[in-house]
Amino acid sequence: MPNHKSAEKRVRQSKKRNLINSANRTRLRSQIKKLRAAISAGDAGDAQALLSATVSVIDKSIQKGILKRNTAARHKSRLTQHVNAMAAK
């Protein structure tokens, strides 16, 4: 339990940030799962449309501190390779 006013405020801020970070992380993971589901289903058109939305969410996650730059780049690269492989078939 916080004993000072500043510590009480810090607890409030931490709870608020935790909710925001959780929502952003959930949004990111859900979008990646949607794209992976479309890739698994073999739906090239849907996967291509979801790819741009997913890349956008990944880029926003970098700005919000949810993902590191290199991790995001790796995700984008691998997802793009899968979608391009579908289009080539």
N, C-alpha and C. Protein backbone atom coordinates (compact mmCIF):
# COMPACT_ATOMS: atom_id res chain seq x y z
N MET A 1 0.84 -1.19 0.00
CA MET A 1 0.00 0.00 0.00
C MET A 1 0.88 1.24 0.00
N PRO A 2 0.54 2.21 -0.86
CA PRO A 2 1.33 3.44 -0.90
C PRO A 2 1.08 4.29 0.34
N ASN A 3 2.13 4.91 0.81
CA ASN A 3 2.04 5.73 2.01
C ASN A 3 2.12 7.23 1.73
N HIS A 4 2.44 7.61 0.50
CA HIS A 4 2.57 9.03 0.15
C HIS A 4 1.62 9.37 -0.99
N LYS A 5 1.29 10.63 -1.09
CA LYS A 5 0.40 11.09 -2.17
C LYS A 5 0.97 10.74 -3.54
N SER A 6 2.27 10.96 -3.70
CA SER A 6 2.90 10.70 -5.00
C SER A 6 2.86 9.21 -5.33
N ALA A 7 3.00 8.37 -4.29
CA ALA A 7 2.94 6.92 -4.52
C ALA A 7 1.52 6.49 -4.89
N GLU A 8 0.53 7.12 -4.29
CA GLU A 8 -0.87 6.82 -4.63
C GLU A 8 -1.15 7.20 -6.08
N LYS A 9 -0.63 8.36 -6.49
CA LYS A 9 -0.83 8.80 -7.86
C LYS A 9 -0.14 7.83 -8.83
N ARG A 10 1.04 7.39 -8.46
CA ARG A 10 1.78 6.46 -9.31
C ARG A 10 1.02 5.15 -9.49
N VAL A 11 0.34 4.68 -8.46
CA VAL A 11 -0.46 3.47 -8.55
C VAL A 11 -1.61 3.68 -9.53
N ARG A 12 -2.26 4.85 -9.43
CA ARG A 12 -3.36 5.16 -10.36
C ARG A 12 -2.85 5.21 -11.80
N GLN A 13 -1.71 5.84 -12.01
CA GLN A 13 -1.15 5.94 -13.35
C GLN A 13 -0.76 4.57 -13.90
N SER A 14 -0.20 3.74 -13.05
CA SER A 14 0.22 2.41 -13.47
C SER A 14 -0.97 1.57 -13.91
N LYS A 15 -2.06 1.65 -13.16
CA LYS A 15 -3.27 0.89 -13.52
C LYS A 15 -3.82 1.35 -14.87
N LYS A 16 -3.84 2.67 -15.06
CA LYS A 16 -4.36 3.24 -16.30
C LYS A 16 -3.49 2.81 -17.49
N ARG A 17 -2.17 2.90 -17.35
CA ARG A 17 -1.26 2.51 -18.43
C ARG A 17 -1.37 1.01 -18.71
N ASN A 18 -1.55 0.23 -17.64
CA ASN A 18 -1.67 -1.21 -17.80
C ASN A 18 -2.87 -1.56 -18.67
N LEU A 19 -3.99 -0.90 -18.46
CA LEU A 19 -5.18 -1.14 -19.27
C LEU A 19 -4.94 -0.75 -20.73
N ILE A 20 -4.30 0.39 -20.93
CA ILE A 20 -4.03 0.86 -22.29
C ILE A 20 -3.07 -0.10 -23.00
N ASN A 21 -2.01 -0.50 -22.31
CA ASN A 21 -1.03 -1.42 -22.91
C ASN A 21 -1.67 -2.77 -23.22
N SER A 22 -2.52 -3.26 -22.33
CA SER A 22 -3.19 -4.54 -22.56
C SER A 22 -4.09 -4.48 -23.79
N ALA A 23 -4.81 -3.39 -23.92
CA ALA A 23 -5.71 -3.22 -25.08
C ALA A 23 -4.91 -3.19 -26.38
N ASN A 24 -3.79 -2.46 -26.38
CA ASN A 24 -2.96 -2.37 -27.58
C ASN A 24 -2.34 -3.72 -27.93
N ARG A 25 -1.88 -4.45 -26.92
CA ARG A 25 -1.29 -5.76 -27.15
C ARG A 25 -2.33 -6.73 -27.69
N THR A 26 -3.55 -6.67 -27.15
CA THR A 26 -4.63 -7.53 -27.62
C THR A 26 -4.98 -7.23 -29.07
N ARG A 27 -5.04 -5.93 -29.39
CA ARG A 27 -5.35 -5.53 -30.77
C ARG A 27 -4.31 -6.07 -31.73
N LEU A 28 -3.06 -5.99 -31.36
CA LEU A 28 -1.96 -6.49 -32.19
C LEU A 28 -2.08 -8.00 -32.40
N ARG A 29 -2.23 -8.72 -31.31
CA ARG A 29 -2.28 -10.19 -31.40
C ARG A 29 -3.49 -10.67 -32.19
N SER A 30 -4.62 -10.01 -32.02
CA SER A 30 -5.84 -10.39 -32.74
C SER A 30 -5.67 -10.19 -34.24
N GLN A 31 -5.06 -9.07 -34.61
CA GLN A 31 -4.86 -8.76 -36.03
C GLN A 31 -3.92 -9.79 -36.67
N ILE A 32 -2.87 -10.14 -35.96
CA ILE A 32 -1.92 -11.14 -36.50
C ILE A 32 -2.61 -12.50 -36.63
N LYS A 33 -3.45 -12.85 -35.66
CA LYS A 33 -4.18 -14.13 -35.73
C LYS A 33 -5.14 -14.15 -36.92
N LYS A 34 -5.82 -13.02 -37.19
CA LYS A 34 -6.72 -12.95 -38.34
C LYS A 34 -5.97 -13.20 -39.64
N LEU A 35 -4.81 -12.55 -39.77
CA LEU A 35 -4.01 -12.72 -40.98
C LEU A 35 -3.53 -14.16 -41.11
N ARG A 36 -3.05 -14.73 -40.03
CA ARG A 36 -2.57 -16.12 -40.07
C ARG A 36 -3.70 -17.08 -40.41
N ALA A 37 -4.91 -16.79 -39.94
CA ALA A 37 -6.06 -17.64 -40.26
C ALA A 37 -6.37 -17.56 -41.75
N ALA A 38 -6.29 -16.37 -42.31
CA ALA A 38 -6.55 -16.21 -43.75
C ALA A 38 -5.48 -16.93 -44.57
N ILE A 39 -4.24 -16.88 -44.10
CA ILE A 39 -3.15 -17.57 -44.80
C ILE A 39 -3.37 -19.08 -44.73
N SER A 40 -3.78 -19.58 -43.58
CA SER A 40 -4.03 -21.02 -43.41
C SER A 40 -5.19 -21.48 -44.28
N ALA A 41 -6.20 -20.62 -44.41
CA ALA A 41 -7.37 -20.97 -45.21
C ALA A 41 -7.07 -20.92 -46.70
N GLY A 42 -5.97 -20.27 -47.08
CA GLY A 42 -5.61 -20.19 -48.48
C GLY A 42 -6.34 -19.10 -49.24
N ASP A 43 -6.91 -18.15 -48.54
CA ASP A 43 -7.65 -17.05 -49.16
C ASP A 43 -6.70 -15.91 -49.48
N ALA A 44 -6.17 -15.89 -50.69
CA ALA A 44 -5.13 -14.93 -51.08
C ALA A 44 -5.64 -13.49 -51.07
N GLY A 45 -6.84 -13.27 -51.56
CA GLY A 45 -7.39 -11.91 -51.62
C GLY A 45 -7.60 -11.32 -50.23
N ASP A 46 -8.18 -12.12 -49.36
CA ASP A 46 -8.43 -11.67 -47.99
C ASP A 46 -7.11 -11.45 -47.25
N ALA A 47 -6.15 -12.34 -47.48
CA ALA A 47 -4.85 -12.22 -46.82
C ALA A 47 -4.14 -10.95 -47.26
N GLN A 48 -4.23 -10.63 -48.55
CA GLN A 48 -3.59 -9.41 -49.06
C GLN A 48 -4.20 -8.17 -48.42
N ALA A 49 -5.52 -8.17 -48.27
CA ALA A 49 -6.20 -7.02 -47.65
C ALA A 49 -5.83 -6.92 -46.17
N LEU A 50 -5.77 -8.05 -45.49
CA LEU A 50 -5.43 -8.06 -44.07
C LEU A 50 -3.97 -7.71 -43.83
N LEU A 51 -3.11 -7.99 -44.82
CA LEU A 51 -1.69 -7.71 -44.63
C LEU A 51 -1.43 -6.23 -44.40
N SER A 52 -2.03 -5.37 -45.20
CA SER A 52 -1.78 -3.93 -45.04
C SER A 52 -2.31 -3.44 -43.69
N ALA A 53 -3.46 -3.96 -43.27
CA ALA A 53 -4.01 -3.57 -41.97
C ALA A 53 -3.11 -4.07 -40.84
N THR A 54 -2.59 -5.27 -40.99
CA THR A 54 -1.73 -5.85 -39.96
C THR A 54 -0.41 -5.09 -39.86
N VAL A 55 0.17 -4.75 -40.99
CA VAL A 55 1.42 -3.98 -40.98
C VAL A 55 1.20 -2.63 -40.31
N SER A 56 0.05 -2.03 -40.55
CA SER A 56 -0.27 -0.76 -39.91
C SER A 56 -0.35 -0.90 -38.39
N VAL A 57 -1.01 -1.95 -37.93
CA VAL A 57 -1.14 -2.19 -36.48
C VAL A 57 0.23 -2.47 -35.87
N ILE A 58 1.07 -3.21 -36.60
CA ILE A 58 2.42 -3.50 -36.10
C ILE A 58 3.22 -2.21 -35.97
N ASP A 59 3.14 -1.34 -36.98
CA ASP A 59 3.86 -0.07 -36.94
C ASP A 59 3.39 0.81 -35.78
N LYS A 60 2.10 0.82 -35.54
CA LYS A 60 1.57 1.60 -34.41
C LYS A 60 2.03 1.01 -33.09
N SER A 61 2.19 -0.31 -33.04
CA SER A 61 2.65 -0.97 -31.82
C SER A 61 4.09 -0.58 -31.50
N ILE A 62 4.89 -0.33 -32.53
CA ILE A 62 6.26 0.13 -32.30
C ILE A 62 6.23 1.50 -31.63
N GLN A 63 5.39 2.38 -32.15
CA GLN A 63 5.29 3.74 -31.61
C GLN A 63 4.80 3.74 -30.17
N LYS A 64 3.95 2.80 -29.84
CA LYS A 64 3.36 2.75 -28.49
C LYS A 64 4.23 1.96 -27.52
N GLY A 65 5.33 1.38 -28.02
CA GLY A 65 6.24 0.65 -27.14
C GLY A 65 5.81 -0.77 -26.84
N ILE A 66 4.89 -1.31 -27.63
CA ILE A 66 4.41 -2.68 -27.42
C ILE A 66 5.41 -3.68 -28.01
N LEU A 67 5.99 -3.32 -29.15
CA LEU A 67 6.97 -4.17 -29.82
C LEU A 67 8.26 -3.38 -30.05
N LYS A 68 9.38 -4.11 -30.08
CA LYS A 68 10.65 -3.49 -30.46
C LYS A 68 10.73 -3.46 -31.98
N ARG A 69 11.57 -2.57 -32.50
CA ARG A 69 11.67 -2.38 -33.95
C ARG A 69 12.03 -3.66 -34.69
N ASN A 70 13.04 -4.36 -34.21
CA ASN A 70 13.49 -5.55 -34.93
C ASN A 70 12.47 -6.68 -34.87
N THR A 71 11.79 -6.81 -33.75
CA THR A 71 10.74 -7.82 -33.62
C THR A 71 9.61 -7.53 -34.61
N ALA A 72 9.24 -6.27 -34.69
CA ALA A 72 8.18 -5.87 -35.62
C ALA A 72 8.60 -6.13 -37.06
N ALA A 73 9.84 -5.80 -37.37
CA ALA A 73 10.34 -6.02 -38.73
C ALA A 73 10.31 -7.50 -39.08
N ARG A 74 10.66 -8.33 -38.11
CA ARG A 74 10.65 -9.78 -38.34
C ARG A 74 9.24 -10.28 -38.60
N HIS A 75 8.28 -9.82 -37.80
CA HIS A 75 6.87 -10.20 -38.00
C HIS A 75 6.39 -9.77 -39.39
N LYS A 76 6.65 -8.53 -39.74
CA LYS A 76 6.19 -8.01 -41.03
C LYS A 76 6.81 -8.79 -42.18
N SER A 77 8.09 -9.08 -42.06
CA SER A 77 8.78 -9.79 -43.12
C SER A 77 8.21 -11.19 -43.33
N ARG A 78 8.04 -11.91 -42.24
CA ARG A 78 7.56 -13.29 -42.35
C ARG A 78 6.12 -13.36 -42.85
N LEU A 79 5.28 -12.46 -42.34
CA LEU A 79 3.88 -12.45 -42.79
C LEU A 79 3.80 -12.10 -44.27
N THR A 80 4.60 -11.13 -44.70
CA THR A 80 4.62 -10.72 -46.11
C THR A 80 5.09 -11.86 -46.99
N GLN A 81 6.10 -12.59 -46.55
CA GLN A 81 6.59 -13.74 -47.32
C GLN A 81 5.49 -14.79 -47.50
N HIS A 82 4.73 -15.05 -46.44
CA HIS A 82 3.65 -16.03 -46.54
C HIS A 82 2.57 -15.58 -47.52
N VAL A 83 2.21 -14.31 -47.45
CA VAL A 83 1.16 -13.79 -48.35
C VAL A 83 1.66 -13.80 -49.79
N ASN A 84 2.91 -13.40 -50.00
CA ASN A 84 3.46 -13.40 -51.37
C ASN A 84 3.56 -14.81 -51.93
N ALA A 85 3.87 -15.78 -51.08
CA ALA A 85 3.95 -17.17 -51.53
C ALA A 85 2.57 -17.66 -51.98
N MET A 86 1.53 -17.20 -51.27
CA MET A 86 0.17 -17.58 -51.67
C MET A 86 -0.19 -16.99 -53.02
N ALA A 87 0.19 -15.75 -53.23
CA ALA A 87 -0.13 -15.07 -54.49
C ALA A 87 0.61 -15.71 -55.66
N ALA A 88 1.80 -16.25 -55.40
CA ALA A 88 2.60 -16.85 -56.47
C ALA A 88 2.02 -18.18 -56.94
N LYS A 89 1.25 -18.83 -56.09
CA LYS A 89 0.68 -20.14 -56.45
C LYS A 89 -0.43 -20.04 -57.43
